[in-house]
Amino acid sequence: MTERPRGRMLLFWGCGEHAGPGQPYVIDFSKIGPGQPLPRFPFIPVHHQNPPSAGRFATYGEWPNSRSRQAPPPSLTGEHRVHGNYSPDIRFTLPYDYMAPLAIDTSRKTASGATLLSWQPISGATGYFATFMGASANGRDDATIVMWSSSGIQTFAGGGLLDYLAPAEVRRLIAQKVAMPPSQTQCAMPAEATTAAPTGMVSMIAYGEEADFADPPRPADPRTPWNINWTVKVRYKSTTGAMLGMPQMGGREAMSSGDRDEGAATQPPPAEPKKKRGGLLGKIKDAAEAAGAIPH
């Protein structure tokens, strides 16, 4: 007879010295019978975009790519030209440069035992979101997964919250208290979450602006036919990760995508399928990732 796992998942949310009412939200794996699905994770719907990809468009392209030794330009501002043997010449001028690196400090504790996350504001950021995942092994077959998000309401990092989001969508999420406003520079991870998992990984994103171009431009009169030759969407974000209790240097990332009839674009290729992990803790993480609850 197979023994049921005794692992648990504790879910916290919100910036503050202490966890708010109803926390933690507990998923007890020992109460899930054989063949039963995991409980549904709490999420807020996020309107994220579905850009071109290699699997959906025959004219998909990317640069830089594995066959090119050229590096991205040191600055994005100014004139750009996209030239290919299967696409029209695309020319546009970018008003925004790369976003600055996002650096988060997780080394400070408050008197109550909360972890004070702090960062320098980034020019051009439209909002911020942070999440944490840690674990503690209580025995060979017992483990506790601890997750926290900076959202003021019960939601977690699935559904695109750690990916590119349009500025209008970020404003909507700020109004719902899911994302943090661009003026915010610190957030306390509650003492209860820090105590439950003293070590773990903090992931954070600074959402950025977008720039859109089309040839020809959209007619002012909606009744006028719009015969599009090409469109370009440039999206920005800055992301970082740090182990709890340590300062961490940030990273930067910006992606530009231009397409003709949504057919040609520059974008990283789809990720390879992940291998399943072994052990109870690995199985819990796999199940949580499949539900979209763990950033990866």
C-alpha atoms as a PDB file:
ATOM      1  CA  MET A   1       0.000   0.000   0.000  1.00  0.00           C
ATOM      2  CA  THR A   2       1.417   3.372  -1.035  1.00  0.00           C
ATOM      3  CA  GLU A   3       1.608   5.901   1.776  1.00  0.00           C
ATOM      4  CA  ARG A   4       0.097   9.284   1.047  1.00  0.00           C
ATOM      5  CA  PRO A   5       2.525  12.215   1.017  1.00  0.00           C
ATOM      6  CA  ARG A   6       2.479  14.506   4.017  1.00  0.00           C
ATOM      7  CA  GLY A   7       3.656  17.638   2.245  1.00  0.00           C
ATOM      8  CA  ARG A   8       1.895  20.991   2.444  1.00  0.00           C
ATOM      9  CA  MET A   9       1.860  24.230   0.508  1.00  0.00           C
ATOM     10  CA  LEU A  10       1.476  27.530   2.371  1.00  0.00           C
ATOM     11  CA  LEU A  11       0.394  30.524   0.310  1.00  0.00           C
ATOM     12  CA  PHE A  12       0.922  34.101   1.532  1.00  0.00           C
ATOM     13  CA  TRP A  13       0.359  37.440  -0.185  1.00  0.00           C
ATOM     14  CA  GLY A  14       0.658  41.185   0.323  1.00  0.00           C
ATOM     15  CA  CYS A  15       3.279  43.663   1.531  1.00  0.00           C
ATOM     16  CA  GLY A  16       3.311  44.078   5.293  1.00  0.00           C
ATOM     17  CA  GLU A  17       5.036  43.232   8.554  1.00  0.00           C
ATOM     18  CA  HIS A  18       2.556  40.414   9.217  1.00  0.00           C
ATOM     19  CA  ALA A  19       0.317  38.198   7.107  1.00  0.00           C
ATOM     20  CA  GLY A  20      -3.212  39.453   6.674  1.00  0.00           C
ATOM     21  CA  PRO A  21      -6.502  37.710   7.496  1.00  0.00           C
ATOM     22  CA  GLY A  22      -7.033  34.283   5.955  1.00  0.00           C
ATOM     23  CA  GLN A  23      -3.327  33.558   5.632  1.00  0.00           C
ATOM     24  CA  PRO A  24      -1.750  31.231   4.965  1.00  0.00           C
ATOM     25  CA  TYR A  25      -3.936  29.494   2.424  1.00  0.00           C
ATOM     26  CA  VAL A  26      -3.013  25.856   3.063  1.00  0.00           C
ATOM     27  CA  ILE A  27      -2.980  22.986   0.578  1.00  0.00           C
ATOM     28  CA  ASP A  28      -2.503  19.740   2.494  1.00  0.00           C
ATOM     29  CA  PHE A  29      -1.308  17.000   0.167  1.00  0.00           C
ATOM     30  CA  SER A  30      -2.053  14.304   2.750  1.00  0.00           C
ATOM     31  CA  LYS A  31      -5.755  14.992   2.224  1.00  0.00           C
ATOM     32  CA  ILE A  32      -5.626  14.478  -1.551  1.00  0.00           C
ATOM     33  CA  GLY A  33      -6.606  10.934  -2.435  1.00  0.00           C
ATOM     34  CA  PRO A  34      -5.110   8.840  -5.261  1.00  0.00           C
ATOM     35  CA  GLY A  35      -6.155  10.151  -8.648  1.00  0.00           C
ATOM     36  CA  GLN A  36      -7.636  13.339  -7.218  1.00  0.00           C
ATOM     37  CA  PRO A  37      -6.501  16.637  -8.811  1.00  0.00           C
ATOM     38  CA  LEU A  38      -4.674  19.316  -6.897  1.00  0.00           C
ATOM     39  CA  PRO A  39      -6.879  22.068  -5.471  1.00  0.00           C
ATOM     40  CA  ARG A  40      -7.289  25.058  -7.742  1.00  0.00           C
ATOM     41  CA  PHE A  41      -4.757  27.810  -7.116  1.00  0.00           C
ATOM     42  CA  PRO A  42      -6.170  31.321  -6.635  1.00  0.00           C
ATOM     43  CA  PHE A  43      -5.447  33.558  -9.638  1.00  0.00           C
ATOM     44  CA  ILE A  44      -6.492  36.912 -11.026  1.00  0.00           C
ATOM     45  CA  PRO A  45      -7.077  36.826 -14.815  1.00  0.00           C
ATOM     46  CA  VAL A  46      -4.270  38.607 -16.642  1.00  0.00           C
ATOM     47  CA  HIS A  47      -4.691  39.877 -20.198  1.00  0.00           C
ATOM     48  CA  HIS A  48      -1.328  38.975 -21.675  1.00  0.00           C
ATOM     49  CA  GLN A  49      -0.353  38.959 -25.331  1.00  0.00           C
ATOM     50  CA  ASN A  50       0.272  36.008 -27.623  1.00  0.00           C
ATOM     51  CA  PRO A  51       3.108  37.115 -29.935  1.00  0.00           C
ATOM     52  CA  PRO A  52       4.334  35.253 -33.031  1.00  0.00           C
ATOM     53  CA  SER A  53       6.290  32.065 -32.434  1.00  0.00           C
ATOM     54  CA  ALA A  54       8.175  29.445 -34.422  1.00  0.00           C
ATOM     55  CA  GLY A  55       5.438  26.885 -33.874  1.00  0.00           C
ATOM     56  CA  ARG A  56       2.643  29.093 -35.222  1.00  0.00           C
ATOM     57  CA  PHE A  57       4.197  31.057 -38.096  1.00  0.00           C
ATOM     58  CA  ALA A  58       6.201  29.751 -41.038  1.00  0.00           C
ATOM     59  CA  THR A  59       7.912  33.131 -41.510  1.00  0.00           C
ATOM     60  CA  TYR A  60       9.042  33.400 -37.884  1.00  0.00           C
ATOM     61  CA  GLY A  61      12.575  34.751 -37.430  1.00  0.00           C
ATOM     62  CA  GLU A  62      14.727  35.935 -34.570  1.00  0.00           C
ATOM     63  CA  TRP A  63      17.828  38.042 -34.092  1.00  0.00           C
ATOM     64  CA  PRO A  64      20.303  37.562 -32.544  1.00  0.00           C
ATOM     65  CA  ASN A  65      20.071  33.833 -33.205  1.00  0.00           C
ATOM     66  CA  SER A  66      22.244  30.723 -32.818  1.00  0.00           C
ATOM     67  CA  ARG A  67      23.791  31.198 -36.284  1.00  0.00           C
ATOM     68  CA  SER A  68      24.598  34.866 -35.827  1.00  0.00           C
ATOM     69  CA  ARG A  69      27.617  36.168 -33.968  1.00  0.00           C
ATOM     70  CA  GLN A  70      26.330  39.706 -33.944  1.00  0.00           C
ATOM     71  CA  ALA A  71      25.456  41.250 -30.598  1.00  0.00           C
ATOM     72  CA  PRO A  72      22.447  43.467 -29.939  1.00  0.00           C
ATOM     73  CA  PRO A  73      23.157  47.190 -30.294  1.00  0.00           C
ATOM     74  CA  PRO A  74      24.368  49.015 -27.173  1.00  0.00           C
ATOM     75  CA  SER A  75      21.349  51.335 -27.426  1.00  0.00           C
ATOM     76  CA  LEU A  76      17.835  50.839 -28.788  1.00  0.00           C
ATOM     77  CA  THR A  77      16.918  54.482 -29.325  1.00  0.00           C
ATOM     78  CA  GLY A  78      16.966  55.820 -32.847  1.00  0.00           C
ATOM     79  CA  GLU A  79      16.369  54.349 -36.281  1.00  0.00           C
ATOM     80  CA  HIS A  80      16.022  50.603 -36.904  1.00  0.00           C
ATOM     81  CA  ARG A  81      15.800  48.562 -40.092  1.00  0.00           C
ATOM     82  CA  VAL A  82      14.635  44.957 -40.407  1.00  0.00           C
ATOM     83  CA  HIS A  83      15.661  43.323 -43.693  1.00  0.00           C
ATOM     84  CA  GLY A  84      15.042  39.736 -44.763  1.00  0.00           C
ATOM     85  CA  ASN A  85      14.714  37.566 -47.836  1.00  0.00           C
ATOM     86  CA  TYR A  86      11.079  36.753 -47.023  1.00  0.00           C
ATOM     87  CA  SER A  87       9.863  40.034 -45.532  1.00  0.00           C
ATOM     88  CA  PRO A  88       9.522  43.641 -46.625  1.00  0.00           C
ATOM     89  CA  ASP A  89      11.993  46.240 -45.434  1.00  0.00           C
ATOM     90  CA  ILE A  90      10.781  47.485 -42.052  1.00  0.00           C
ATOM     91  CA  ARG A  91      11.940  50.835 -40.734  1.00  0.00           C
ATOM     92  CA  PHE A  92      10.987  52.477 -37.456  1.00  0.00           C
ATOM     93  CA  THR A  93      12.439  54.819 -34.828  1.00  0.00           C
ATOM     94  CA  LEU A  94      12.402  53.787 -31.170  1.00  0.00           C
ATOM     95  CA  PRO A  95      11.827  56.409 -28.484  1.00  0.00           C
ATOM     96  CA  TYR A  96      12.806  54.100 -25.589  1.00  0.00           C
ATOM     97  CA  ASP A  97      16.173  52.564 -24.754  1.00  0.00           C
ATOM     98  CA  TYR A  98      16.819  49.351 -22.809  1.00  0.00           C
ATOM     99  CA  MET A  99      15.348  49.390 -19.338  1.00  0.00           C
ATOM    100  CA  ALA A 100      17.902  49.730 -16.556  1.00  0.00           C
ATOM    101  CA  PRO A 101      18.825  46.579 -14.603  1.00  0.00           C
ATOM    102  CA  LEU A 102      16.465  45.749 -11.754  1.00  0.00           C
ATOM    103  CA  ALA A 103      18.441  45.128  -8.537  1.00  0.00           C
ATOM    104  CA  ILE A 104      16.614  43.914  -5.440  1.00  0.00           C
ATOM    105  CA  ASP A 105      18.023  43.777  -1.909  1.00  0.00           C
ATOM    106  CA  THR A 106      16.584  41.020   0.305  1.00  0.00           C
ATOM    107  CA  SER A 107      19.133  41.227   3.125  1.00  0.00           C
ATOM    108  CA  ARG A 108      17.248  43.503   5.560  1.00  0.00           C
ATOM    109  CA  LYS A 109      14.893  42.312   8.291  1.00  0.00           C
ATOM    110  CA  THR A 110      12.438  44.371  10.299  1.00  0.00           C
ATOM    111  CA  ALA A 111      12.067  44.141  14.080  1.00  0.00           C
ATOM    112  CA  SER A 112       9.064  41.832  13.609  1.00  0.00           C
ATOM    113  CA  GLY A 113      11.082  39.384  11.492  1.00  0.00           C
ATOM    114  CA  ALA A 114       9.649  40.408   8.127  1.00  0.00           C
ATOM    115  CA  THR A 115      12.018  40.591   5.151  1.00  0.00           C
ATOM    116  CA  LEU A 116      12.226  44.084   3.668  1.00  0.00           C
ATOM    117  CA  LEU A 117      12.609  43.914  -0.108  1.00  0.00           C
ATOM    118  CA  SER A 118      13.943  47.155  -1.587  1.00  0.00           C
ATOM    119  CA  TRP A 119      14.966  48.339  -5.030  1.00  0.00           C
ATOM    120  CA  GLN A 120      15.919  51.473  -6.905  1.00  0.00           C
ATOM    121  CA  PRO A 121      13.178  52.937  -9.113  1.00  0.00           C
ATOM    122  CA  ILE A 122      13.659  52.264 -12.826  1.00  0.00           C
ATOM    123  CA  SER A 123      13.014  54.950 -15.406  1.00  0.00           C
ATOM    124  CA  GLY A 124      10.215  53.913 -17.732  1.00  0.00           C
ATOM    125  CA  ALA A 125       8.795  51.273 -15.385  1.00  0.00           C
ATOM    126  CA  THR A 126       5.009  51.097 -15.413  1.00  0.00           C
ATOM    127  CA  GLY A 127       4.744  48.886 -12.313  1.00  0.00           C
ATOM    128  CA  TYR A 128       6.351  46.080 -10.312  1.00  0.00           C
ATOM    129  CA  PHE A 129       5.498  42.585  -9.099  1.00  0.00           C
ATOM    130  CA  ALA A 130       7.470  40.257  -6.802  1.00  0.00           C
ATOM    131  CA  THR A 131       7.086  36.646  -5.770  1.00  0.00           C
ATOM    132  CA  PHE A 132       8.890  34.180  -3.518  1.00  0.00           C
ATOM    133  CA  MET A 133       9.167  30.411  -3.307  1.00  0.00           C
ATOM    134  CA  GLY A 134      10.913  28.491  -0.568  1.00  0.00           C
ATOM    135  CA  ALA A 135      10.740  25.053   0.961  1.00  0.00           C
ATOM    136  CA  SER A 136      11.592  23.263   4.174  1.00  0.00           C
ATOM    137  CA  ALA A 137      11.973  19.501   4.478  1.00  0.00           C
ATOM    138  CA  ASN A 138      10.359  18.218   7.683  1.00  0.00           C
ATOM    139  CA  GLY A 139      11.289  14.605   7.067  1.00  0.00           C
ATOM    140  CA  ARG A 140      11.991  12.089   4.339  1.00  0.00           C
ATOM    141  CA  ASP A 141       8.425  12.082   2.987  1.00  0.00           C
ATOM    142  CA  ASP A 142       7.322  15.448   4.315  1.00  0.00           C
ATOM    143  CA  ALA A 143       7.963  18.862   2.821  1.00  0.00           C
ATOM    144  CA  THR A 144       6.470  22.324   3.067  1.00  0.00           C
ATOM    145  CA  ILE A 145       6.404  24.608   0.049  1.00  0.00           C
ATOM    146  CA  VAL A 146       6.008  28.297   0.898  1.00  0.00           C
ATOM    147  CA  MET A 147       4.884  30.790  -1.703  1.00  0.00           C
ATOM    148  CA  TRP A 148       4.303  34.526  -1.405  1.00  0.00           C
ATOM    149  CA  SER A 149       3.432  37.315  -3.805  1.00  0.00           C
ATOM    150  CA  SER A 150       3.465  41.081  -3.433  1.00  0.00           C
ATOM    151  CA  SER A 151      -0.150  41.267  -4.598  1.00  0.00           C
ATOM    152  CA  GLY A 152      -2.521  42.957  -2.165  1.00  0.00           C
ATOM    153  CA  ILE A 153      -5.155  40.355  -2.992  1.00  0.00           C
ATOM    154  CA  GLN A 154      -4.940  36.580  -3.110  1.00  0.00           C
ATOM    155  CA  THR A 155      -3.184  35.742  -6.364  1.00  0.00           C
ATOM    156  CA  PHE A 156       0.114  34.290  -7.477  1.00  0.00           C
ATOM    157  CA  ALA A 157       2.641  34.426 -10.271  1.00  0.00           C
ATOM    158  CA  GLY A 158       0.818  32.350 -12.867  1.00  0.00           C
ATOM    159  CA  GLY A 159      -1.020  33.601 -15.905  1.00  0.00           C
ATOM    160  CA  GLY A 160       1.661  35.976 -17.151  1.00  0.00           C
ATOM    161  CA  LEU A 161       2.401  38.168 -14.136  1.00  0.00           C
ATOM    162  CA  LEU A 162       6.148  37.625 -14.599  1.00  0.00           C
ATOM    163  CA  ASP A 163       6.043  38.326 -18.330  1.00  0.00           C
ATOM    164  CA  TYR A 164       5.582  41.299 -20.666  1.00  0.00           C
ATOM    165  CA  LEU A 165       2.330  43.141 -19.967  1.00  0.00           C
ATOM    166  CA  ALA A 166       0.866  46.106 -21.835  1.00  0.00           C
ATOM    167  CA  PRO A 167       0.936  49.414 -19.915  1.00  0.00           C
ATOM    168  CA  ALA A 168      -2.881  49.548 -19.879  1.00  0.00           C
ATOM    169  CA  GLU A 169      -3.001  46.066 -18.344  1.00  0.00           C
ATOM    170  CA  VAL A 170      -0.441  47.063 -15.704  1.00  0.00           C
ATOM    171  CA  ARG A 171      -2.535  50.107 -14.798  1.00  0.00           C
ATOM    172  CA  ARG A 172      -5.562  47.825 -14.391  1.00  0.00           C
ATOM    173  CA  LEU A 173      -3.598  45.475 -12.141  1.00  0.00           C
ATOM    174  CA  ILE A 174      -2.313  48.389 -10.040  1.00  0.00           C
ATOM    175  CA  ALA A 175      -5.895  49.569  -9.558  1.00  0.00           C
ATOM    176  CA  GLN A 176      -6.787  46.042  -8.386  1.00  0.00           C
ATOM    177  CA  LYS A 177      -3.770  46.064  -6.020  1.00  0.00           C
ATOM    178  CA  VAL A 178      -2.218  43.104  -7.841  1.00  0.00           C
ATOM    179  CA  ALA A 179       0.800  45.019  -9.188  1.00  0.00           C
ATOM    180  CA  MET A 180       2.788  47.654  -7.329  1.00  0.00           C
ATOM    181  CA  PRO A 181       2.874  51.214  -8.723  1.00  0.00           C
ATOM    182  CA  PRO A 182       6.062  52.578 -10.352  1.00  0.00           C
ATOM    183  CA  SER A 183       6.591  54.933  -7.392  1.00  0.00           C
ATOM    184  CA  GLN A 184       6.966  52.041  -4.924  1.00  0.00           C
ATOM    185  CA  THR A 185      10.518  51.079  -3.905  1.00  0.00           C
ATOM    186  CA  GLN A 186      10.060  48.563  -1.088  1.00  0.00           C
ATOM    187  CA  CYS A 187       7.777  45.788   0.105  1.00  0.00           C
ATOM    188  CA  ALA A 188       7.890  43.782   3.335  1.00  0.00           C
ATOM    189  CA  MET A 189       7.460  40.037   2.981  1.00  0.00           C
ATOM    190  CA  PRO A 190       5.479  39.088   6.115  1.00  0.00           C
ATOM    191  CA  ALA A 191       7.301  37.605   9.073  1.00  0.00           C
ATOM    192  CA  GLU A 192       5.102  34.495   8.958  1.00  0.00           C
ATOM    193  CA  ALA A 193       6.227  33.705   5.400  1.00  0.00           C
ATOM    194  CA  THR A 194       9.892  34.360   6.242  1.00  0.00           C
ATOM    195  CA  THR A 195       9.673  32.124   9.323  1.00  0.00           C
ATOM    196  CA  ALA A 196       7.993  29.309   7.391  1.00  0.00           C
ATOM    197  CA  ALA A 197      10.771  29.332   4.767  1.00  0.00           C
ATOM    198  CA  PRO A 198      13.932  31.161   5.889  1.00  0.00           C
ATOM    199  CA  THR A 199      15.583  30.493   2.511  1.00  0.00           C
ATOM    200  CA  GLY A 200      14.278  30.579  -1.030  1.00  0.00           C
ATOM    201  CA  MET A 201      14.211  32.567  -4.249  1.00  0.00           C
ATOM    202  CA  VAL A 202      12.647  35.988  -4.805  1.00  0.00           C
ATOM    203  CA  SER A 203      11.715  36.800  -8.406  1.00  0.00           C
ATOM    204  CA  MET A 204      10.753  40.297  -9.496  1.00  0.00           C
ATOM    205  CA  ILE A 205       9.736  42.140 -12.640  1.00  0.00           C
ATOM    206  CA  ALA A 206       9.585  45.788 -13.627  1.00  0.00           C
ATOM    207  CA  TYR A 207       7.030  46.166 -16.421  1.00  0.00           C
ATOM    208  CA  GLY A 208       7.964  48.559 -19.209  1.00  0.00           C
ATOM    209  CA  GLU A 209       6.495  50.635 -21.987  1.00  0.00           C
ATOM    210  CA  GLU A 210       5.506  49.511 -25.473  1.00  0.00           C
ATOM    211  CA  ALA A 211       6.053  51.061 -28.893  1.00  0.00           C
ATOM    212  CA  ASP A 212       3.868  50.205 -31.911  1.00  0.00           C
ATOM    213  CA  PHE A 213       4.444  50.960 -35.590  1.00  0.00           C
ATOM    214  CA  ALA A 214       2.602  50.124 -38.798  1.00  0.00           C
ATOM    215  CA  ASP A 215       2.997  50.747 -42.515  1.00  0.00           C
ATOM    216  CA  PRO A 216       0.916  52.487 -43.588  1.00  0.00           C
ATOM    217  CA  PRO A 217      -0.238  54.171 -40.364  1.00  0.00           C
ATOM    218  CA  ARG A 218      -3.807  53.518 -39.239  1.00  0.00           C
ATOM    219  CA  PRO A 219      -6.195  55.863 -41.104  1.00  0.00           C
ATOM    220  CA  ALA A 220      -7.851  58.531 -38.997  1.00  0.00           C
ATOM    221  CA  ASP A 221     -11.224  57.605 -40.500  1.00  0.00           C
ATOM    222  CA  PRO A 222     -12.188  54.064 -39.364  1.00  0.00           C
ATOM    223  CA  ARG A 223     -14.243  53.681 -42.556  1.00  0.00           C
ATOM    224  CA  THR A 224     -11.102  53.931 -44.696  1.00  0.00           C
ATOM    225  CA  PRO A 225      -9.655  50.499 -45.665  1.00  0.00           C
ATOM    226  CA  TRP A 226      -6.383  49.777 -43.910  1.00  0.00           C
ATOM    227  CA  ASN A 227      -4.152  47.588 -46.079  1.00  0.00           C
ATOM    228  CA  ILE A 228      -1.236  46.801 -43.771  1.00  0.00           C
ATOM    229  CA  ASN A 229       2.217  45.977 -45.145  1.00  0.00           C
ATOM    230  CA  TRP A 230       3.800  45.337 -41.766  1.00  0.00           C
ATOM    231  CA  THR A 231       3.446  46.046 -38.054  1.00  0.00           C
ATOM    232  CA  VAL A 232       6.008  46.234 -35.244  1.00  0.00           C
ATOM    233  CA  LYS A 233       5.493  45.940 -31.488  1.00  0.00           C
ATOM    234  CA  VAL A 234       8.424  46.571 -29.146  1.00  0.00           C
ATOM    235  CA  ARG A 235       7.994  45.422 -25.548  1.00  0.00           C
ATOM    236  CA  TYR A 236      10.151  46.081 -22.489  1.00  0.00           C
ATOM    237  CA  LYS A 237      10.718  44.511 -19.103  1.00  0.00           C
ATOM    238  CA  SER A 238      13.483  44.240 -16.513  1.00  0.00           C
ATOM    239  CA  THR A 239      13.649  41.143 -14.322  1.00  0.00           C
ATOM    240  CA  THR A 240      15.816  39.820 -11.533  1.00  0.00           C
ATOM    241  CA  GLY A 241      16.060  37.082  -8.941  1.00  0.00           C
ATOM    242  CA  ALA A 242      17.772  36.902  -5.563  1.00  0.00           C
ATOM    243  CA  MET A 243      18.136  34.405  -2.762  1.00  0.00           C
ATOM    244  CA  LEU A 244      16.388  35.526   0.390  1.00  0.00           C
ATOM    245  CA  GLY A 245      18.787  37.350   2.698  1.00  0.00           C
ATOM    246  CA  MET A 246      21.200  38.485  -0.006  1.00  0.00           C
ATOM    247  CA  PRO A 247      21.644  41.580  -2.190  1.00  0.00           C
ATOM    248  CA  GLN A 248      21.548  40.731  -5.879  1.00  0.00           C
ATOM    249  CA  MET A 249      22.661  42.486  -9.031  1.00  0.00           C
ATOM    250  CA  GLY A 250      19.827  42.867 -11.503  1.00  0.00           C
ATOM    251  CA  GLY A 251      19.464  41.951 -15.143  1.00  0.00           C
ATOM    252  CA  ARG A 252      17.784  43.542 -18.092  1.00  0.00           C
ATOM    253  CA  GLU A 253      15.741  42.266 -20.953  1.00  0.00           C
ATOM    254  CA  ALA A 254      13.962  43.888 -23.854  1.00  0.00           C
ATOM    255  CA  MET A 255      12.335  42.264 -26.830  1.00  0.00           C
ATOM    256  CA  SER A 256      11.272  43.723 -30.126  1.00  0.00           C
ATOM    257  CA  SER A 257       8.864  41.947 -32.410  1.00  0.00           C
ATOM    258  CA  GLY A 258       7.843  43.038 -35.858  1.00  0.00           C
ATOM    259  CA  ASP A 259       5.579  41.121 -38.160  1.00  0.00           C
ATOM    260  CA  ARG A 260       3.949  41.090 -41.536  1.00  0.00           C
ATOM    261  CA  ASP A 261       0.474  39.627 -41.245  1.00  0.00           C
ATOM    262  CA  GLU A 262       1.751  38.282 -37.899  1.00  0.00           C
ATOM    263  CA  GLY A 263       4.196  36.215 -39.890  1.00  0.00           C
ATOM    264  CA  ALA A 264       7.739  37.400 -39.158  1.00  0.00           C
ATOM    265  CA  ALA A 265       9.004  38.293 -35.715  1.00  0.00           C
ATOM    266  CA  THR A 266      12.049  38.454 -33.463  1.00  0.00           C
ATOM    267  CA  GLN A 267      11.406  36.543 -30.265  1.00  0.00           C
ATOM    268  CA  PRO A 268      13.104  33.804 -28.216  1.00  0.00           C
ATOM    269  CA  PRO A 269      12.021  30.319 -29.391  1.00  0.00           C
ATOM    270  CA  PRO A 270       9.629  28.260 -27.245  1.00  0.00           C
ATOM    271  CA  ALA A 271      11.241  26.656 -24.207  1.00  0.00           C
ATOM    272  CA  GLU A 272      12.053  22.974 -24.280  1.00  0.00           C
ATOM    273  CA  PRO A 273       9.739  20.743 -22.205  1.00  0.00           C
ATOM    274  CA  LYS A 274      11.020  20.326 -18.676  1.00  0.00           C
ATOM    275  CA  LYS A 275      12.009  16.969 -17.273  1.00  0.00           C
ATOM    276  CA  LYS A 276      10.030  15.712 -14.313  1.00  0.00           C
ATOM    277  CA  ARG A 277      11.732  15.952 -10.950  1.00  0.00           C
ATOM    278  CA  GLY A 278      12.126  13.064  -8.575  1.00  0.00           C
ATOM    279  CA  GLY A 279      11.064  12.801  -4.941  1.00  0.00           C
ATOM    280  CA  LEU A 280       8.107  14.283  -3.114  1.00  0.00           C
ATOM    281  CA  LEU A 281       9.437  17.830  -3.157  1.00  0.00           C
ATOM    282  CA  GLY A 282      10.098  17.617  -6.883  1.00  0.00           C
ATOM    283  CA  LYS A 283       6.636  16.232  -7.550  1.00  0.00           C
ATOM    284  CA  ILE A 284       5.064  19.049  -5.550  1.00  0.00           C
ATOM    285  CA  LYS A 285       7.042  21.620  -7.531  1.00  0.00           C
ATOM    286  CA  ASP A 286       6.093  19.953 -10.825  1.00  0.00           C
ATOM    287  CA  ALA A 287       2.436  19.993  -9.890  1.00  0.00           C
ATOM    288  CA  ALA A 288       2.588  23.610  -8.784  1.00  0.00           C
ATOM    289  CA  GLU A 289       4.361  24.672 -11.991  1.00  0.00           C
ATOM    290  CA  ALA A 290       1.773  22.836 -14.044  1.00  0.00           C
ATOM    291  CA  ALA A 291      -0.860  24.913 -12.267  1.00  0.00           C
ATOM    292  CA  GLY A 292       1.124  28.059 -13.101  1.00  0.00           C
ATOM    293  CA  ALA A 293       1.835  28.879  -9.487  1.00  0.00           C
ATOM    294  CA  ILE A 294       5.643  28.799  -9.533  1.00  0.00           C
ATOM    295  CA  PRO A 295       7.725  31.197 -11.656  1.00  0.00           C
ATOM    296  CA  HIS A 296      10.018  29.372 -14.081  1.00  0.00           C
END
